[in-house]
Amino acid sequence: MKILLVEDEKKLADALAQGLEAKGYTVDVVSDGKKALNRISLHRTDYDLMILDLMLPSMDGDEICKTAREWGVTTPILILTARNETGKKVDLLLKGADDYLPKPFSFDELVARIHALMRRPNEIHPAILKVADIELDPAKRTVTRGGKELTLTLKEFGLLEYFMRHPNQVVNREDLLAHLWDFNYASFSNVVDVHIKNLRRKLDTGDGGRILETVRGIGYRLRDQV
């Protein structure tokens, strides 16, 4: 994986680059905002991840992020910020950041955030997800099946959205835990199975066909045909 690290604090940039390279990543370091934006414009498909400091010379990280997204750059972006206000966090996400990490942070947490970002699907999905007769609107947080609206909990909604972004693919419990639960949940917990059972019950149309099936010994699959 190749990472663009944009950080003007030299000691921090050197330490992060050295640590990431020890983990097997290739790291390009840029210390100036406008130079970073120029690098992105010329090499927009070369990087698997961009890490941007919020406060930079010549152009802040959030503006780099906003401009990159306006150009159609879909590379995951993680912003490092010393500002921990809720309003600023919301603003960063609205400008296209995929995640943010408040300073000070541990290197292990940074690596964990990188791993989480890189597990996300890279392709761009339509605003409304459709699989068989199920329609899900991530923005409005609504779900219908056969035109009938379903009432789902937040976790059930998250599970269904993840399945709909991976139709016909077998998804294992570990993937679901990694994407939808924090690190406090133990992998041996049956929390996934319980939520799957409840979601399946709400998706059931009563005709005997199961759109969300269990693949024994592996995981679960949402089929586009019953």
C-alpha atoms as a PDB file:
ATOM      1  CA  MET A   1       0.000   0.000   0.000  1.00  0.00           C
ATOM      2  CA  LYS A   2       1.174   3.494  -0.853  1.00  0.00           C
ATOM      3  CA  ILE A   3       0.324   6.369   1.488  1.00  0.00           C
ATOM      4  CA  LEU A   4       0.540  10.123   0.984  1.00  0.00           C
ATOM      5  CA  LEU A   5       1.335  11.711   4.347  1.00  0.00           C
ATOM      6  CA  VAL A   6       0.858  15.487   4.504  1.00  0.00           C
ATOM      7  CA  GLU A   7       2.286  16.777   7.781  1.00  0.00           C
ATOM      8  CA  ASP A   8       4.382  19.889   8.434  1.00  0.00           C
ATOM      9  CA  GLU A   9       5.715  18.875  11.871  1.00  0.00           C
ATOM     10  CA  LYS A  10       8.943  17.259  10.719  1.00  0.00           C
ATOM     11  CA  LYS A  11       9.558  15.107  13.812  1.00  0.00           C
ATOM     12  CA  LEU A  12       6.025  13.747  13.718  1.00  0.00           C
ATOM     13  CA  ALA A  13       6.130  13.197   9.958  1.00  0.00           C
ATOM     14  CA  ASP A  14       9.463  11.375  10.189  1.00  0.00           C
ATOM     15  CA  ALA A  15       8.254   9.214  13.072  1.00  0.00           C
ATOM     16  CA  LEU A  16       5.013   8.301  11.316  1.00  0.00           C
ATOM     17  CA  ALA A  17       6.745   7.580   8.027  1.00  0.00           C
ATOM     18  CA  GLN A  18       9.351   5.399   9.735  1.00  0.00           C
ATOM     19  CA  GLY A  19       6.696   3.505  11.680  1.00  0.00           C
ATOM     20  CA  LEU A  20       4.452   2.960   8.648  1.00  0.00           C
ATOM     21  CA  GLU A  21       7.348   1.834   6.501  1.00  0.00           C
ATOM     22  CA  ALA A  22       8.260  -0.672   9.217  1.00  0.00           C
ATOM     23  CA  LYS A  23       4.720  -2.010   8.798  1.00  0.00           C
ATOM     24  CA  GLY A  24       5.350  -2.523   5.085  1.00  0.00           C
ATOM     25  CA  TYR A  25       3.762   0.635   3.669  1.00  0.00           C
ATOM     26  CA  THR A  26       5.338   2.939   1.110  1.00  0.00           C
ATOM     27  CA  VAL A  27       5.074   6.535   2.338  1.00  0.00           C
ATOM     28  CA  ASP A  28       5.460   9.845   0.478  1.00  0.00           C
ATOM     29  CA  VAL A  29       5.747  12.835   2.819  1.00  0.00           C
ATOM     30  CA  VAL A  30       4.732  16.384   1.850  1.00  0.00           C
ATOM     31  CA  SER A  31       4.860  19.287   4.301  1.00  0.00           C
ATOM     32  CA  ASP A  32       2.976  22.022   2.392  1.00  0.00           C
ATOM     33  CA  GLY A  33      -0.742  22.151   1.603  1.00  0.00           C
ATOM     34  CA  LYS A  34      -0.605  23.495  -1.948  1.00  0.00           C
ATOM     35  CA  LYS A  35       2.259  21.155  -2.851  1.00  0.00           C
ATOM     36  CA  ALA A  36       0.188  18.276  -1.536  1.00  0.00           C
ATOM     37  CA  LEU A  37      -2.793  19.295  -3.647  1.00  0.00           C
ATOM     38  CA  ASN A  38      -0.552  19.513  -6.690  1.00  0.00           C
ATOM     39  CA  ARG A  39       0.802  16.042  -5.935  1.00  0.00           C
ATOM     40  CA  ILE A  40      -2.766  14.718  -5.703  1.00  0.00           C
ATOM     41  CA  SER A  41      -3.725  16.324  -9.012  1.00  0.00           C
ATOM     42  CA  LEU A  42      -0.785  14.714 -10.787  1.00  0.00           C
ATOM     43  CA  HIS A  43      -0.885  11.329  -9.058  1.00  0.00           C
ATOM     44  CA  ARG A  44      -4.511  10.946  -8.015  1.00  0.00           C
ATOM     45  CA  THR A  45      -4.583   7.189  -8.679  1.00  0.00           C
ATOM     46  CA  ASP A  46      -1.169   6.388  -7.205  1.00  0.00           C
ATOM     47  CA  TYR A  47      -2.164   6.364  -3.544  1.00  0.00           C
ATOM     48  CA  ASP A  48      -4.227   3.887  -1.567  1.00  0.00           C
ATOM     49  CA  LEU A  49      -4.679   6.303   1.337  1.00  0.00           C
ATOM     50  CA  MET A  50      -4.034   9.952   2.160  1.00  0.00           C
ATOM     51  CA  ILE A  51      -3.285  11.180   5.684  1.00  0.00           C
ATOM     52  CA  LEU A  52      -3.694  14.941   5.981  1.00  0.00           C
ATOM     53  CA  ASP A  53      -2.837  17.175   8.907  1.00  0.00           C
ATOM     54  CA  LEU A  54      -5.557  19.783   9.432  1.00  0.00           C
ATOM     55  CA  MET A  55      -3.289  22.801   9.970  1.00  0.00           C
ATOM     56  CA  LEU A  56      -0.779  23.153   7.130  1.00  0.00           C
ATOM     57  CA  PRO A  57       1.221  25.919   5.459  1.00  0.00           C
ATOM     58  CA  SER A  58      -0.527  27.533   2.436  1.00  0.00           C
ATOM     59  CA  MET A  59      -3.672  25.353   2.559  1.00  0.00           C
ATOM     60  CA  ASP A  60      -5.408  23.444   5.342  1.00  0.00           C
ATOM     61  CA  GLY A  61      -6.113  19.731   5.181  1.00  0.00           C
ATOM     62  CA  ASP A  62      -9.883  20.145   5.077  1.00  0.00           C
ATOM     63  CA  GLU A  63      -9.637  22.340   1.970  1.00  0.00           C
ATOM     64  CA  ILE A  64      -7.322  19.818   0.317  1.00  0.00           C
ATOM     65  CA  CYS A  65      -9.889  17.146   1.105  1.00  0.00           C
ATOM     66  CA  LYS A  66     -12.803  19.210  -0.236  1.00  0.00           C
ATOM     67  CA  THR A  67     -10.965  20.060  -3.462  1.00  0.00           C
ATOM     68  CA  ALA A  68      -9.840  16.476  -4.035  1.00  0.00           C
ATOM     69  CA  ARG A  69     -13.415  15.256  -3.695  1.00  0.00           C
ATOM     70  CA  GLU A  70     -14.613  17.933  -6.120  1.00  0.00           C
ATOM     71  CA  TRP A  71     -12.068  16.545  -8.600  1.00  0.00           C
ATOM     72  CA  GLY A  72     -13.583  13.108  -8.205  1.00  0.00           C
ATOM     73  CA  VAL A  73     -10.728  11.614  -6.182  1.00  0.00           C
ATOM     74  CA  THR A  74     -12.130   8.672  -4.211  1.00  0.00           C
ATOM     75  CA  THR A  75      -8.989   7.672  -2.307  1.00  0.00           C
ATOM     76  CA  PRO A  76      -9.728   7.255   1.427  1.00  0.00           C
ATOM     77  CA  ILE A  77      -8.714  10.318   3.443  1.00  0.00           C
ATOM     78  CA  LEU A  78      -7.810  10.374   7.136  1.00  0.00           C
ATOM     79  CA  ILE A  79      -7.369  13.792   8.715  1.00  0.00           C
ATOM     80  CA  LEU A  80      -5.182  14.430  11.761  1.00  0.00           C
ATOM     81  CA  THR A  81      -6.500  17.278  13.878  1.00  0.00           C
ATOM     82  CA  ALA A  82      -5.691  18.941  17.184  1.00  0.00           C
ATOM     83  CA  ARG A  83      -9.270  20.248  17.272  1.00  0.00           C
ATOM     84  CA  ASN A  84     -11.697  17.893  18.942  1.00  0.00           C
ATOM     85  CA  GLU A  85     -14.926  19.922  18.732  1.00  0.00           C
ATOM     86  CA  THR A  86     -18.001  18.101  17.478  1.00  0.00           C
ATOM     87  CA  GLY A  87     -18.738  20.831  14.930  1.00  0.00           C
ATOM     88  CA  LYS A  88     -15.298  20.522  13.387  1.00  0.00           C
ATOM     89  CA  LYS A  89     -15.588  16.744  13.169  1.00  0.00           C
ATOM     90  CA  VAL A  90     -18.903  17.066  11.345  1.00  0.00           C
ATOM     91  CA  ASP A  91     -17.422  19.665   9.000  1.00  0.00           C
ATOM     92  CA  LEU A  92     -14.502  17.364   8.119  1.00  0.00           C
ATOM     93  CA  LEU A  93     -16.839  14.509   7.257  1.00  0.00           C
ATOM     94  CA  LEU A  94     -19.061  16.778   5.172  1.00  0.00           C
ATOM     95  CA  LYS A  95     -16.018  17.927   3.200  1.00  0.00           C
ATOM     96  CA  GLY A  96     -15.263  14.340   2.240  1.00  0.00           C
ATOM     97  CA  ALA A  97     -12.989  12.965   4.937  1.00  0.00           C
ATOM     98  CA  ASP A  98     -13.480   9.268   5.623  1.00  0.00           C
ATOM     99  CA  ASP A  99     -12.158   9.480   9.166  1.00  0.00           C
ATOM    100  CA  TYR A 100     -10.346  11.807  11.549  1.00  0.00           C
ATOM    101  CA  LEU A 101      -7.915  11.214  14.386  1.00  0.00           C
ATOM    102  CA  PRO A 102      -7.536  13.815  17.161  1.00  0.00           C
ATOM    103  CA  LYS A 103      -4.028  14.638  18.366  1.00  0.00           C
ATOM    104  CA  PRO A 104      -2.328  13.342  20.404  1.00  0.00           C
ATOM    105  CA  PHE A 105      -2.851   9.771  19.251  1.00  0.00           C
ATOM    106  CA  SER A 106      -1.059   6.469  19.570  1.00  0.00           C
ATOM    107  CA  PHE A 107       0.644   4.934  16.563  1.00  0.00           C
ATOM    108  CA  ASP A 108      -1.285   1.712  17.138  1.00  0.00           C
ATOM    109  CA  GLU A 109      -4.573   3.589  16.860  1.00  0.00           C
ATOM    110  CA  LEU A 110      -3.430   5.200  13.614  1.00  0.00           C
ATOM    111  CA  VAL A 111      -2.589   1.793  12.151  1.00  0.00           C
ATOM    112  CA  ALA A 112      -5.962   0.438  13.297  1.00  0.00           C
ATOM    113  CA  ARG A 113      -7.763   3.344  11.597  1.00  0.00           C
ATOM    114  CA  ILE A 114      -5.792   2.704   8.393  1.00  0.00           C
ATOM    115  CA  HIS A 115      -6.738  -0.970   8.447  1.00  0.00           C
ATOM    116  CA  ALA A 116     -10.403  -0.085   8.981  1.00  0.00           C
ATOM    117  CA  LEU A 117     -10.394   2.374   6.067  1.00  0.00           C
ATOM    118  CA  MET A 118      -8.749  -0.093   3.729  1.00  0.00           C
ATOM    119  CA  ARG A 119     -11.351  -2.742   4.531  1.00  0.00           C
ATOM    120  CA  ARG A 120     -14.046  -0.508   3.113  1.00  0.00           C
ATOM    121  CA  PRO A 121     -15.172  -1.100  -0.475  1.00  0.00           C
ATOM    122  CA  ASN A 122     -13.473   1.206  -2.996  1.00  0.00           C
ATOM    123  CA  GLU A 123     -16.213   1.361  -5.573  1.00  0.00           C
ATOM    124  CA  ILE A 124     -18.718   4.201  -5.587  1.00  0.00           C
ATOM    125  CA  HIS A 125     -22.288   3.118  -4.981  1.00  0.00           C
ATOM    126  CA  PRO A 126     -25.543   4.731  -6.101  1.00  0.00           C
ATOM    127  CA  ALA A 127     -27.408   6.954  -3.647  1.00  0.00           C
ATOM    128  CA  ILE A 128     -30.118   4.290  -3.246  1.00  0.00           C
ATOM    129  CA  LEU A 129     -29.009   0.685  -2.896  1.00  0.00           C
ATOM    130  CA  LYS A 130     -31.166  -1.985  -4.534  1.00  0.00           C
ATOM    131  CA  VAL A 131     -30.974  -5.763  -4.195  1.00  0.00           C
ATOM    132  CA  ALA A 132     -33.931  -7.827  -5.443  1.00  0.00           C
ATOM    133  CA  ASP A 133     -37.020  -5.998  -4.145  1.00  0.00           C
ATOM    134  CA  ILE A 134     -35.174  -4.315  -1.271  1.00  0.00           C
ATOM    135  CA  GLU A 135     -34.358  -0.601  -1.494  1.00  0.00           C
ATOM    136  CA  LEU A 136     -32.184   1.161   1.073  1.00  0.00           C
ATOM    137  CA  ASP A 137     -31.532   4.895   1.269  1.00  0.00           C
ATOM    138  CA  PRO A 138     -28.399   5.503   3.395  1.00  0.00           C
ATOM    139  CA  ALA A 139     -29.010   9.253   3.628  1.00  0.00           C
ATOM    140  CA  LYS A 140     -32.639   9.064   4.762  1.00  0.00           C
ATOM    141  CA  ARG A 141     -32.037   5.797   6.624  1.00  0.00           C
ATOM    142  CA  THR A 142     -35.109   4.154   5.140  1.00  0.00           C
ATOM    143  CA  VAL A 143     -35.621   0.583   3.917  1.00  0.00           C
ATOM    144  CA  THR A 144     -38.455  -0.907   1.889  1.00  0.00           C
ATOM    145  CA  ARG A 145     -39.092  -4.415   0.640  1.00  0.00           C
ATOM    146  CA  GLY A 146     -41.662  -4.820  -2.094  1.00  0.00           C
ATOM    147  CA  GLY A 147     -42.682  -1.215  -1.475  1.00  0.00           C
ATOM    148  CA  LYS A 148     -43.398  -1.837   2.210  1.00  0.00           C
ATOM    149  CA  GLU A 149     -41.321   0.185   4.665  1.00  0.00           C
ATOM    150  CA  LEU A 150     -39.386  -1.788   7.265  1.00  0.00           C
ATOM    151  CA  THR A 151     -38.547  -0.578  10.752  1.00  0.00           C
ATOM    152  CA  LEU A 152     -34.969  -1.519  11.605  1.00  0.00           C
ATOM    153  CA  THR A 153     -32.724  -0.741  14.534  1.00  0.00           C
ATOM    154  CA  LEU A 154     -29.517   1.183  13.813  1.00  0.00           C
ATOM    155  CA  LYS A 155     -27.462  -2.000  13.964  1.00  0.00           C
ATOM    156  CA  GLU A 156     -29.885  -3.913  11.725  1.00  0.00           C
ATOM    157  CA  PHE A 157     -29.770  -1.050   9.247  1.00  0.00           C
ATOM    158  CA  GLY A 158     -25.970  -1.110   9.274  1.00  0.00           C
ATOM    159  CA  LEU A 159     -25.911  -4.851   8.707  1.00  0.00           C
ATOM    160  CA  LEU A 160     -28.357  -4.665   5.812  1.00  0.00           C
ATOM    161  CA  GLU A 161     -26.453  -1.790   4.208  1.00  0.00           C
ATOM    162  CA  TYR A 162     -23.219  -3.782   4.427  1.00  0.00           C
ATOM    163  CA  PHE A 163     -24.859  -6.841   2.869  1.00  0.00           C
ATOM    164  CA  MET A 164     -26.381  -4.708   0.100  1.00  0.00           C
ATOM    165  CA  ARG A 165     -22.957  -3.304  -0.713  1.00  0.00           C
ATOM    166  CA  HIS A 166     -21.762  -6.902  -1.126  1.00  0.00           C
ATOM    167  CA  PRO A 167     -24.679  -8.715  -2.807  1.00  0.00           C
ATOM    168  CA  ASN A 168     -24.281 -12.448  -3.435  1.00  0.00           C
ATOM    169  CA  GLN A 169     -20.992 -12.447  -1.520  1.00  0.00           C
ATOM    170  CA  VAL A 170     -20.449 -14.608   1.537  1.00  0.00           C
ATOM    171  CA  VAL A 171     -19.636 -12.313   4.470  1.00  0.00           C
ATOM    172  CA  ASN A 172     -18.162 -13.837   7.617  1.00  0.00           C
ATOM    173  CA  ARG A 173     -18.827 -12.782  11.194  1.00  0.00           C
ATOM    174  CA  GLU A 174     -15.341 -11.310  11.598  1.00  0.00           C
ATOM    175  CA  ASP A 175     -15.933  -8.912   8.696  1.00  0.00           C
ATOM    176  CA  LEU A 176     -19.218  -7.789  10.215  1.00  0.00           C
ATOM    177  CA  LEU A 177     -17.645  -7.279  13.629  1.00  0.00           C
ATOM    178  CA  ALA A 178     -14.775  -5.307  12.117  1.00  0.00           C
ATOM    179  CA  HIS A 179     -17.038  -2.983  10.137  1.00  0.00           C
ATOM    180  CA  LEU A 180     -19.985  -2.513  12.474  1.00  0.00           C
ATOM    181  CA  TRP A 181     -18.723  -2.964  16.033  1.00  0.00           C
ATOM    182  CA  ASP A 182     -15.912  -1.348  17.945  1.00  0.00           C
ATOM    183  CA  PHE A 183     -12.931  -3.149  19.389  1.00  0.00           C
ATOM    184  CA  ASN A 184     -14.664  -3.719  22.722  1.00  0.00           C
ATOM    185  CA  TYR A 185     -16.714  -6.561  21.261  1.00  0.00           C
ATOM    186  CA  ALA A 186     -15.088  -9.967  21.508  1.00  0.00           C
ATOM    187  CA  SER A 187     -14.997 -12.051  18.355  1.00  0.00           C
ATOM    188  CA  PHE A 188     -16.552 -15.004  20.206  1.00  0.00           C
ATOM    189  CA  SER A 189     -19.667 -12.999  21.121  1.00  0.00           C
ATOM    190  CA  ASN A 190     -22.943 -14.084  19.530  1.00  0.00           C
ATOM    191  CA  VAL A 191     -24.030 -10.458  19.065  1.00  0.00           C
ATOM    192  CA  VAL A 192     -23.806 -10.769  15.265  1.00  0.00           C
ATOM    193  CA  ASP A 193     -25.958 -13.889  15.169  1.00  0.00           C
ATOM    194  CA  VAL A 194     -28.640 -12.247  17.309  1.00  0.00           C
ATOM    195  CA  HIS A 195     -28.872  -9.185  15.078  1.00  0.00           C
ATOM    196  CA  ILE A 196     -28.840 -11.331  11.931  1.00  0.00           C
ATOM    197  CA  LYS A 197     -31.734 -13.385  13.313  1.00  0.00           C
ATOM    198  CA  ASN A 198     -33.771 -10.227  13.997  1.00  0.00           C
ATOM    199  CA  LEU A 199     -32.934  -8.716  10.603  1.00  0.00           C
ATOM    200  CA  ARG A 200     -33.853 -11.933   8.806  1.00  0.00           C
ATOM    201  CA  ARG A 201     -37.214 -12.005  10.605  1.00  0.00           C
ATOM    202  CA  LYS A 202     -37.990  -8.461   9.439  1.00  0.00           C
ATOM    203  CA  LEU A 203     -36.967  -9.247   5.861  1.00  0.00           C
ATOM    204  CA  ASP A 204     -39.070 -12.402   5.755  1.00  0.00           C
ATOM    205  CA  THR A 205     -42.010 -12.060   3.363  1.00  0.00           C
ATOM    206  CA  GLY A 206     -43.694 -15.249   4.546  1.00  0.00           C
ATOM    207  CA  ASP A 207     -43.394 -17.065   1.211  1.00  0.00           C
ATOM    208  CA  GLY A 208     -40.762 -19.474   2.485  1.00  0.00           C
ATOM    209  CA  GLY A 209     -37.872 -17.961   0.529  1.00  0.00           C
ATOM    210  CA  ARG A 210     -34.974 -16.479   2.476  1.00  0.00           C
ATOM    211  CA  ILE A 211     -33.096 -13.622   0.831  1.00  0.00           C
ATOM    212  CA  LEU A 212     -30.571 -13.505   3.711  1.00  0.00           C
ATOM    213  CA  GLU A 213     -29.153 -16.991   4.000  1.00  0.00           C
ATOM    214  CA  THR A 214     -26.661 -18.701   6.271  1.00  0.00           C
ATOM    215  CA  VAL A 215     -23.698 -20.349   4.582  1.00  0.00           C
ATOM    216  CA  ARG A 216     -22.908 -23.019   7.126  1.00  0.00           C
ATOM    217  CA  GLY A 217     -19.481 -22.750   8.691  1.00  0.00           C
ATOM    218  CA  ILE A 218     -18.605 -19.578   6.730  1.00  0.00           C
ATOM    219  CA  GLY A 219     -21.023 -16.704   7.181  1.00  0.00           C
ATOM    220  CA  TYR A 220     -24.023 -15.070   5.540  1.00  0.00           C
ATOM    221  CA  ARG A 221     -25.094 -14.035   2.044  1.00  0.00           C
ATOM    222  CA  LEU A 222     -27.723 -11.612   0.745  1.00  0.00           C
ATOM    223  CA  ARG A 223     -29.014 -12.985  -2.564  1.00  0.00           C
ATOM    224  CA  ASP A 224     -30.377 -10.832  -5.375  1.00  0.00           C
ATOM    225  CA  GLN A 225     -32.822 -13.623  -6.181  1.00  0.00           C
ATOM    226  CA  VAL A 226     -34.840 -15.826  -3.854  1.00  0.00           C
END
